Amino acid sequence: MPENLQYILFNKPYGVVTAFTDDEGHETLKAFIDVPDVYPVGRLDLDSEGLLLLTNDGPLAHILTSPHFNHPKTYFVQVEGVVTETALRQLETGVVIRGITTRRCEALIVPEPELPQRSKPVTPHGPTTWLRLVLREGKKRQIRHMTAAVGFPTLRLVRVAIGPLALGKLQPGEWRALTPVEVEKLKEWLKPTAGRKAGGSPGNARGAQYRSGGRRSSGPGIRPSGAGGRGRK
């Protein structure tokens, strides 16, 4: 593991690839982040926005991205139409996508959130609904497939939290380093899952240095601080 561990919060804009290189000519993370040797933890689609964590801490990245640990990710999702209670319950209990039923999730209708304007503005042709979704899995374009399956296609998708890490006031294209206190809080939050094997039983999983018998909090608790440590756009 590198001696100089880095933990970066980034607000990924619409149209940016979650990588530092791209063969198709899309804008990449390299245009925004000048910290060497950090890599994205998970991904956001080209047309999705919001919170992305980058680090060179391999064990921590493994724990956060492993589908066996079910870490919650929170999204604000704008969809076409006026979402019905029936559709909302379908999203919560599971939607069949290509023969596989999605796991239970949290789904709520919410007022329009205060979010920065997207670089390519959404231009709906009728009424829309904003949803707050909390998922514990992350299949490719899952939310878009879920909302389309219940009759309400996604127009805009913004990830606002990964477990206890929250987007806060970071603007699209801005990044900042986690403070030492935030890093410790994140590791504490991960301790209960760090000692589990893929099957869910205690074992010598990667990242066992974060092992503990503590209990994991379920809600976003780490919020970005003010201007201190803010990176360039």
Protein backbone atom coordinates (compact mmCIF):
# COMPACT_ATOMS: atom_id res chain seq x y z
CA MET A 1 0.00 0.00 0.00
CA PRO A 2 1.34 3.50 -0.79
CA GLU A 3 2.72 5.38 2.20
CA ASN A 4 1.07 8.66 1.19
CA LEU A 5 -2.62 7.75 1.11
CA GLN A 6 -4.93 10.16 -0.69
CA TYR A 7 -8.72 10.47 -0.41
CA ILE A 8 -10.44 12.83 -2.85
CA LEU A 9 -14.10 13.87 -3.10
CA PHE A 10 -15.09 15.00 -6.60
CA ASN A 11 -18.35 16.30 -8.04
CA LYS A 12 -18.38 14.66 -11.47
CA PRO A 13 -20.09 16.82 -14.09
CA TYR A 14 -22.44 15.56 -16.78
CA GLY A 15 -20.57 14.27 -19.84
CA VAL A 16 -17.32 13.37 -18.05
CA VAL A 17 -15.99 9.80 -18.18
CA THR A 18 -15.12 8.17 -14.85
CA ALA A 19 -11.53 7.51 -15.97
CA PHE A 20 -8.33 9.42 -16.64
CA THR A 21 -8.14 8.32 -20.29
CA ASP A 22 -10.75 7.70 -22.97
CA ASP A 23 -10.39 6.39 -26.52
CA GLU A 24 -13.62 8.00 -27.70
CA GLY A 25 -12.62 11.59 -27.03
CA HIS A 26 -14.86 12.30 -24.03
CA GLU A 27 -13.70 14.66 -21.30
CA THR A 28 -12.00 12.72 -18.49
CA LEU A 29 -11.06 13.12 -14.83
CA LYS A 30 -7.65 14.34 -15.96
CA ALA A 31 -9.18 17.68 -16.93
CA PHE A 32 -10.15 18.33 -13.30
CA ILE A 33 -7.94 16.37 -10.89
CA ASP A 34 -4.17 16.85 -10.72
CA VAL A 35 -3.45 14.46 -7.83
CA PRO A 36 -1.16 11.64 -9.06
CA ASP A 37 -1.86 7.93 -8.64
CA VAL A 38 -5.46 8.10 -7.37
CA TYR A 39 -8.21 6.05 -8.94
CA PRO A 40 -12.02 6.27 -8.86
CA VAL A 41 -13.84 4.04 -6.39
CA GLY A 42 -16.66 2.69 -8.52
CA ARG A 43 -18.06 4.71 -11.38
CA LEU A 44 -20.74 7.06 -12.62
CA ASP A 45 -22.10 6.85 -16.15
CA LEU A 46 -21.23 9.51 -18.72
CA ASP A 47 -24.67 11.12 -18.35
CA SER A 48 -24.78 10.83 -14.54
CA GLU A 49 -23.43 13.38 -12.09
CA GLY A 50 -22.32 13.79 -8.51
CA LEU A 51 -20.19 12.31 -5.80
CA LEU A 52 -17.15 10.30 -6.76
CA LEU A 53 -14.44 9.13 -4.35
CA LEU A 54 -10.88 8.70 -5.60
CA THR A 55 -8.06 7.14 -3.62
CA ASN A 56 -4.86 5.10 -3.76
CA ASP A 57 -5.99 3.06 -0.72
CA GLY A 58 -6.64 -0.29 -2.39
CA PRO A 59 -8.11 -2.17 0.60
CA LEU A 60 -10.55 0.63 1.38
CA ALA A 61 -11.60 0.86 -2.28
CA HIS A 62 -12.19 -2.90 -2.35
CA ILE A 63 -14.47 -2.78 0.70
CA LEU A 64 -16.47 0.13 -0.71
CA THR A 65 -16.98 -1.41 -4.15
CA SER A 66 -17.54 -5.08 -3.29
CA PRO A 67 -21.21 -5.96 -3.99
CA HIS A 68 -21.19 -8.33 -1.01
CA PHE A 69 -21.00 -5.52 1.57
CA ASN A 70 -24.14 -3.64 0.43
CA HIS A 71 -22.92 -0.13 1.18
CA PRO A 72 -25.70 2.44 0.59
CA LYS A 73 -25.46 5.06 -2.13
CA THR A 74 -27.95 7.94 -2.26
CA TYR A 75 -29.22 9.58 -5.46
CA PHE A 76 -31.55 12.37 -6.50
CA VAL A 77 -33.32 11.29 -9.69
CA GLN A 78 -35.54 13.41 -11.94
CA VAL A 79 -37.96 11.32 -14.00
CA GLU A 80 -40.58 11.99 -16.65
CA GLY A 81 -44.18 12.13 -15.48
CA VAL A 82 -45.93 12.13 -12.11
CA VAL A 83 -44.80 9.04 -10.23
CA THR A 84 -47.59 6.94 -8.74
CA GLU A 85 -47.57 5.18 -5.37
CA THR A 86 -47.73 1.87 -7.22
CA ALA A 87 -44.56 2.67 -9.18
CA LEU A 88 -42.83 3.87 -6.02
CA ARG A 89 -43.61 0.59 -4.24
CA GLN A 90 -42.32 -1.34 -7.27
CA LEU A 91 -39.02 0.52 -7.10
CA GLU A 92 -38.76 -0.22 -3.37
CA THR A 93 -39.58 -3.92 -3.49
CA GLY A 94 -37.67 -4.79 -6.65
CA VAL A 95 -37.90 -4.44 -10.42
CA VAL A 96 -37.14 -7.24 -12.88
CA ILE A 97 -34.36 -6.21 -15.28
CA ARG A 98 -33.21 -8.78 -17.84
CA GLY A 99 -34.55 -11.60 -15.72
CA ILE A 100 -32.98 -10.41 -12.45
CA THR A 101 -34.93 -8.71 -9.66
CA THR A 102 -33.22 -5.70 -8.09
CA ARG A 103 -32.75 -5.65 -4.33
CA ARG A 104 -35.03 -3.69 -2.04
CA CYS A 105 -34.16 -0.01 -1.91
CA GLU A 106 -35.42 3.19 -0.35
CA ALA A 107 -37.56 5.30 -2.68
CA LEU A 108 -39.21 8.60 -1.81
CA ILE A 109 -40.85 11.41 -3.79
CA VAL A 110 -39.15 14.67 -2.77
CA PRO A 111 -39.38 18.38 -3.65
CA GLU A 112 -36.98 19.56 -6.34
CA PRO A 113 -33.54 19.57 -4.64
CA GLU A 114 -31.14 22.49 -4.79
CA LEU A 115 -28.64 21.29 -7.36
CA PRO A 116 -26.28 23.21 -9.66
CA GLN A 117 -27.40 23.69 -13.26
CA ARG A 118 -26.25 20.88 -15.53
CA SER A 119 -23.94 21.73 -18.43
CA LYS A 120 -26.58 20.33 -20.79
CA PRO A 121 -29.87 21.48 -19.24
CA VAL A 122 -32.76 19.02 -18.98
CA THR A 123 -35.69 20.14 -21.17
CA PRO A 124 -38.71 18.02 -20.22
CA HIS A 125 -41.80 18.04 -22.44
CA GLY A 126 -44.20 17.59 -19.53
CA PRO A 127 -44.36 17.27 -15.74
CA THR A 128 -41.50 15.61 -13.88
CA THR A 129 -40.96 14.06 -10.45
CA TRP A 130 -37.87 14.08 -8.24
CA LEU A 131 -37.05 10.90 -6.34
CA ARG A 132 -34.58 10.13 -3.58
CA LEU A 133 -33.27 6.60 -4.05
CA VAL A 134 -30.91 4.73 -1.72
CA LEU A 135 -29.45 1.62 -3.36
CA ARG A 136 -27.23 -1.09 -1.90
CA GLU A 137 -26.17 -2.49 -5.26
CA GLY A 138 -24.84 -0.97 -8.44
CA LYS A 139 -25.45 -2.78 -11.70
CA LYS A 140 -24.72 -0.94 -14.94
CA ARG A 141 -27.23 1.88 -15.51
CA GLN A 142 -29.42 0.27 -12.87
CA ILE A 143 -31.45 3.31 -11.82
CA ARG A 144 -32.23 4.23 -15.42
CA HIS A 145 -33.41 0.68 -16.12
CA MET A 146 -35.47 0.64 -12.90
CA THR A 147 -37.34 3.89 -13.51
CA ALA A 148 -37.96 3.01 -17.18
CA ALA A 149 -39.31 -0.40 -16.14
CA VAL A 150 -42.02 1.22 -14.00
CA GLY A 151 -42.91 3.73 -16.71
CA PHE A 152 -40.96 6.84 -15.69
CA PRO A 153 -37.71 7.33 -17.67
CA THR A 154 -34.81 9.09 -15.96
CA LEU A 155 -33.99 12.62 -17.09
CA ARG A 156 -31.29 13.51 -14.56
CA LEU A 157 -29.38 11.44 -12.03
CA VAL A 158 -27.13 12.89 -9.31
CA ARG A 159 -25.34 10.84 -6.64
CA VAL A 160 -25.23 12.85 -3.43
CA ALA A 161 -23.82 10.36 -0.89
CA ILE A 162 -21.77 7.19 -0.58
CA GLY A 163 -22.41 5.86 2.90
CA PRO A 164 -21.33 8.63 5.29
CA LEU A 165 -19.67 10.75 2.58
CA ALA A 166 -21.90 13.55 1.29
CA LEU A 167 -21.53 15.84 -1.71
CA GLY A 168 -22.25 18.97 0.32
CA LYS A 169 -21.52 22.24 -1.48
CA LEU A 170 -18.99 20.97 -4.02
CA GLN A 171 -19.83 22.39 -7.42
CA PRO A 172 -19.58 20.32 -10.63
CA GLY A 173 -15.92 19.93 -11.54
CA GLU A 174 -14.66 20.77 -8.04
CA TRP A 175 -12.78 18.40 -5.75
CA ARG A 176 -11.28 18.45 -2.31
CA ALA A 177 -9.30 16.13 -0.05
CA LEU A 178 -10.95 14.46 2.93
CA THR A 179 -9.64 15.74 6.23
CA PRO A 180 -7.85 13.28 8.57
CA VAL A 181 -10.91 13.32 10.83
CA GLU A 182 -13.18 12.42 7.91
CA VAL A 183 -10.87 9.59 6.86
CA GLU A 184 -10.97 8.13 10.36
CA LYS A 185 -14.76 8.41 10.46
CA LEU A 186 -15.01 6.64 7.11
CA LYS A 187 -12.76 3.81 8.31
CA GLU A 188 -14.76 3.49 11.52
CA TRP A 189 -17.94 3.24 9.48
CA LEU A 190 -16.41 0.47 7.36
CA LYS A 191 -15.09 -1.62 10.26
CA PRO A 192 -18.07 -3.95 10.67
CA THR A 193 -17.85 -5.08 7.03
CA ALA A 194 -14.07 -5.10 6.62
CA GLY A 195 -13.59 -8.48 8.32
CA ARG A 196 -16.20 -10.32 6.26
CA LYS A 197 -15.47 -12.62 3.35
CA ALA A 198 -17.49 -12.41 0.17
CA GLY A 199 -19.99 -14.88 1.61
CA GLY A 200 -20.71 -12.63 4.54
CA SER A 201 -18.94 -14.63 7.27
CA PRO A 202 -16.03 -13.34 9.37
CA GLY A 203 -12.69 -13.89 7.72
CA ASN A 204 -9.48 -12.38 6.47
CA ALA A 205 -10.93 -10.08 3.85
CA ARG A 206 -8.77 -7.49 2.20
CA GLY A 207 -8.75 -4.38 4.31
CA ALA A 208 -8.83 -6.30 7.60
CA GLN A 209 -6.87 -3.47 9.19
CA TYR A 210 -10.25 -1.69 9.46
CA ARG A 211 -11.84 -4.60 11.39
CA SER A 212 -13.83 -3.86 14.52
CA GLY A 213 -16.89 -5.02 16.41
CA GLY A 214 -18.56 -1.61 16.17
CA ARG A 215 -21.91 -0.87 14.59
CA ARG A 216 -22.30 0.90 11.28
CA SER A 217 -24.30 4.06 11.02
CA SER A 218 -26.93 4.06 8.28
CA GLY A 219 -27.11 7.74 7.34
CA PRO A 220 -24.76 10.26 5.75
CA GLY A 221 -22.63 11.66 8.54
CA ILE A 222 -19.51 13.12 6.92
CA ARG A 223 -20.18 16.38 5.18
CA PRO A 224 -17.61 18.36 3.18
CA SER A 225 -16.12 21.24 5.10
CA GLY A 226 -15.86 24.76 3.71
CA ALA A 227 -13.19 26.07 1.38
CA GLY A 228 -10.28 24.41 3.22
CA GLY A 229 -8.62 21.77 1.09
CA ARG A 230 -10.75 22.56 -1.98
CA GLY A 231 -9.10 21.58 -5.25
CA ARG A 232 -9.21 23.35 -8.56
CA LYS A 233 -11.99 23.07 -11.09
